[in-house]
C-alpha atoms as a PDB file:
ATOM      1  CA  MET A   1     -29.698  22.287 -12.549  1.00  0.00           C
ATOM      2  CA  SER A   2     -30.657  25.751 -13.763  1.00  0.00           C
ATOM      3  CA  GLN A   3     -30.239  28.933 -11.775  1.00  0.00           C
ATOM      4  CA  PRO A   4     -33.368  30.170 -10.003  1.00  0.00           C
ATOM      5  CA  ARG A   5     -35.090  33.048 -11.741  1.00  0.00           C
ATOM      6  CA  ARG A   6     -34.880  36.352  -9.890  1.00  0.00           C
ATOM      7  CA  ILE A   7     -38.207  37.927  -9.137  1.00  0.00           C
ATOM      8  CA  PHE A   8     -36.816  41.274  -7.981  1.00  0.00           C
ATOM      9  CA  ASN A   9     -33.638  43.307  -8.291  1.00  0.00           C
ATOM     10  CA  VAL A  10     -31.660  44.260  -5.225  1.00  0.00           C
ATOM     11  CA  ASP A  11     -29.493  47.375  -5.160  1.00  0.00           C
ATOM     12  CA  LEU A  12     -26.575  46.012  -3.128  1.00  0.00           C
ATOM     13  CA  ALA A  13     -24.848  49.390  -2.897  1.00  0.00           C
ATOM     14  CA  GLN A  14     -28.047  50.953  -1.519  1.00  0.00           C
ATOM     15  CA  ASP A  15     -28.368  48.113   1.006  1.00  0.00           C
ATOM     16  CA  MET A  16     -24.754  48.693   2.090  1.00  0.00           C
ATOM     17  CA  ARG A  17     -25.358  52.430   2.583  1.00  0.00           C
ATOM     18  CA  THR A  18     -28.515  51.596   4.517  1.00  0.00           C
ATOM     19  CA  ILE A  19     -26.917  49.115   6.932  1.00  0.00           C
ATOM     20  CA  VAL A  20     -24.050  51.519   7.655  1.00  0.00           C
ATOM     21  CA  ALA A  21     -26.517  54.334   8.415  1.00  0.00           C
ATOM     22  CA  MET A  22     -28.749  52.031  10.481  1.00  0.00           C
ATOM     23  CA  ALA A  23     -25.806  50.641  12.452  1.00  0.00           C
ATOM     24  CA  ASP A  24     -24.595  54.209  13.112  1.00  0.00           C
ATOM     25  CA  ASN A  25     -27.997  55.125  14.545  1.00  0.00           C
ATOM     26  CA  LEU A  26     -28.728  51.878  16.366  1.00  0.00           C
ATOM     27  CA  THR A  27     -27.626  52.970  19.855  1.00  0.00           C
ATOM     28  CA  PRO A  28     -29.933  56.007  20.124  1.00  0.00           C
ATOM     29  CA  TYR A  29     -32.769  54.095  18.454  1.00  0.00           C
ATOM     30  CA  VAL A  30     -32.632  51.282  21.006  1.00  0.00           C
ATOM     31  CA  TYR A  31     -33.417  53.672  23.839  1.00  0.00           C
ATOM     32  CA  GLU A  32     -36.197  55.573  22.072  1.00  0.00           C
ATOM     33  CA  SER A  33     -39.844  54.652  22.286  1.00  0.00           C
ATOM     34  CA  GLU A  34     -40.446  55.304  18.575  1.00  0.00           C
ATOM     35  CA  LEU A  35     -41.058  52.311  16.323  1.00  0.00           C
ATOM     36  CA  TYR A  36     -39.258  53.799  13.313  1.00  0.00           C
ATOM     37  CA  GLY A  37     -35.875  55.452  13.772  1.00  0.00           C
ATOM     38  CA  MET A  38     -34.809  58.401  11.668  1.00  0.00           C
ATOM     39  CA  LEU A  39     -31.726  58.356   9.457  1.00  0.00           C
ATOM     40  CA  SER A  40     -29.925  61.493   8.311  1.00  0.00           C
ATOM     41  CA  ASP A  41     -30.325  60.594   4.625  1.00  0.00           C
ATOM     42  CA  PRO A  42     -33.986  60.920   3.593  1.00  0.00           C
ATOM     43  CA  SER A  43     -33.435  58.651   0.580  1.00  0.00           C
ATOM     44  CA  LEU A  44     -32.862  55.701   2.939  1.00  0.00           C
ATOM     45  CA  PRO A  45     -35.641  53.735   4.636  1.00  0.00           C
ATOM     46  CA  ARG A  46     -36.440  54.391   8.270  1.00  0.00           C
ATOM     47  CA  LEU A  47     -34.606  52.368  10.892  1.00  0.00           C
ATOM     48  CA  THR A  48     -36.206  49.255  12.351  1.00  0.00           C
ATOM     49  CA  VAL A  49     -34.460  46.242  13.836  1.00  0.00           C
ATOM     50  CA  GLY A  50     -36.271  44.019  11.333  1.00  0.00           C
ATOM     51  CA  GLY A  51     -35.181  46.192   8.402  1.00  0.00           C
ATOM     52  CA  LEU A  52     -31.577  46.114   9.554  1.00  0.00           C
ATOM     53  CA  LEU A  53     -31.586  42.355  10.134  1.00  0.00           C
ATOM     54  CA  MET A  54     -33.254  41.715   6.774  1.00  0.00           C
ATOM     55  CA  ARG A  55     -30.588  43.714   4.927  1.00  0.00           C
ATOM     56  CA  LEU A  56     -27.739  42.107   6.863  1.00  0.00           C
ATOM     57  CA  ALA A  57     -29.115  38.641   6.068  1.00  0.00           C
ATOM     58  CA  ARG A  58     -29.791  39.461   2.416  1.00  0.00           C
ATOM     59  CA  LEU A  59     -26.311  40.895   1.903  1.00  0.00           C
ATOM     60  CA  SER A  60     -24.785  37.890   3.638  1.00  0.00           C
ATOM     61  CA  LEU A  61     -26.589  35.570   1.225  1.00  0.00           C
ATOM     62  CA  LEU A  62     -25.485  37.673  -1.746  1.00  0.00           C
ATOM     63  CA  SER A  63     -21.973  38.371  -0.440  1.00  0.00           C
ATOM     64  CA  ASP A  64     -20.375  36.729  -3.480  1.00  0.00           C
ATOM     65  CA  GLN A  65     -21.749  39.660  -5.491  1.00  0.00           C
ATOM     66  CA  LEU A  66     -20.139  42.256  -3.191  1.00  0.00           C
ATOM     67  CA  SER A  67     -16.721  43.764  -3.733  1.00  0.00           C
ATOM     68  CA  PRO A  68     -14.014  42.760  -1.235  1.00  0.00           C
ATOM     69  CA  SER A  69     -14.316  46.122   0.529  1.00  0.00           C
ATOM     70  CA  GLN A  70     -18.110  45.722   0.768  1.00  0.00           C
ATOM     71  CA  GLN A  71     -17.640  42.222   2.213  1.00  0.00           C
ATOM     72  CA  VAL A  72     -15.341  43.651   4.893  1.00  0.00           C
ATOM     73  CA  ALA A  73     -17.835  46.432   5.648  1.00  0.00           C
ATOM     74  CA  LEU A  74     -20.679  43.907   5.884  1.00  0.00           C
ATOM     75  CA  ALA A  75     -18.758  41.755   8.375  1.00  0.00           C
ATOM     76  CA  ALA A  76     -17.806  44.837  10.395  1.00  0.00           C
ATOM     77  CA  ASN A  77     -21.419  46.003  10.603  1.00  0.00           C
ATOM     78  CA  TRP A  78     -22.622  42.536  11.670  1.00  0.00           C
ATOM     79  CA  LEU A  79     -20.071  42.729  14.503  1.00  0.00           C
ATOM     80  CA  ARG A  80     -20.984  46.304  15.419  1.00  0.00           C
ATOM     81  CA  CYS A  81     -24.636  45.378  15.797  1.00  0.00           C
ATOM     82  CA  SER A  82     -24.237  42.015  17.492  1.00  0.00           C
ATOM     83  CA  ARG A  83     -21.553  43.054  20.004  1.00  0.00           C
ATOM     84  CA  ARG A  84     -23.735  45.737  21.453  1.00  0.00           C
ATOM     85  CA  GLY A  85     -26.479  43.266  22.272  1.00  0.00           C
ATOM     86  CA  GLN A  86     -28.872  45.911  21.066  1.00  0.00           C
ATOM     87  CA  PHE A  87     -31.257  43.642  19.234  1.00  0.00           C
ATOM     88  CA  THR A  88     -32.051  42.010  22.573  1.00  0.00           C
ATOM     89  CA  THR A  89     -32.208  45.360  24.353  1.00  0.00           C
ATOM     90  CA  ARG A  90     -34.675  46.777  21.811  1.00  0.00           C
ATOM     91  CA  ALA A  91     -36.845  43.691  22.011  1.00  0.00           C
ATOM     92  CA  SER A  92     -37.051  43.955  25.800  1.00  0.00           C
ATOM     93  CA  CYS A  93     -37.814  47.685  25.560  1.00  0.00           C
ATOM     94  CA  CYS A  94     -40.668  47.019  23.148  1.00  0.00           C
ATOM     95  CA  THR A  95     -42.323  44.387  25.293  1.00  0.00           C
ATOM     96  CA  ASN A  96     -42.728  46.669  28.306  1.00  0.00           C
END
């Protein structure tokens, strides 16, 4: 069976920088009423729960292409985000 053809290129290093920045800013973002959170690096996309989850999932699927240190950082950021229960908190804040 042949490999599927890629229809877009993903910058894994950029995604890693983005999830670290988003995870760092997740706590204040959860308690804000703004839809898009700000990150300190203007070259990164704005923070949304969906954007963070999408990058975490994408990097998890492509983890075989990450360096060992990036794989450790990815796992650590998954834990940082999920332990805080902040995805649930943000969802409940947004429905009020």
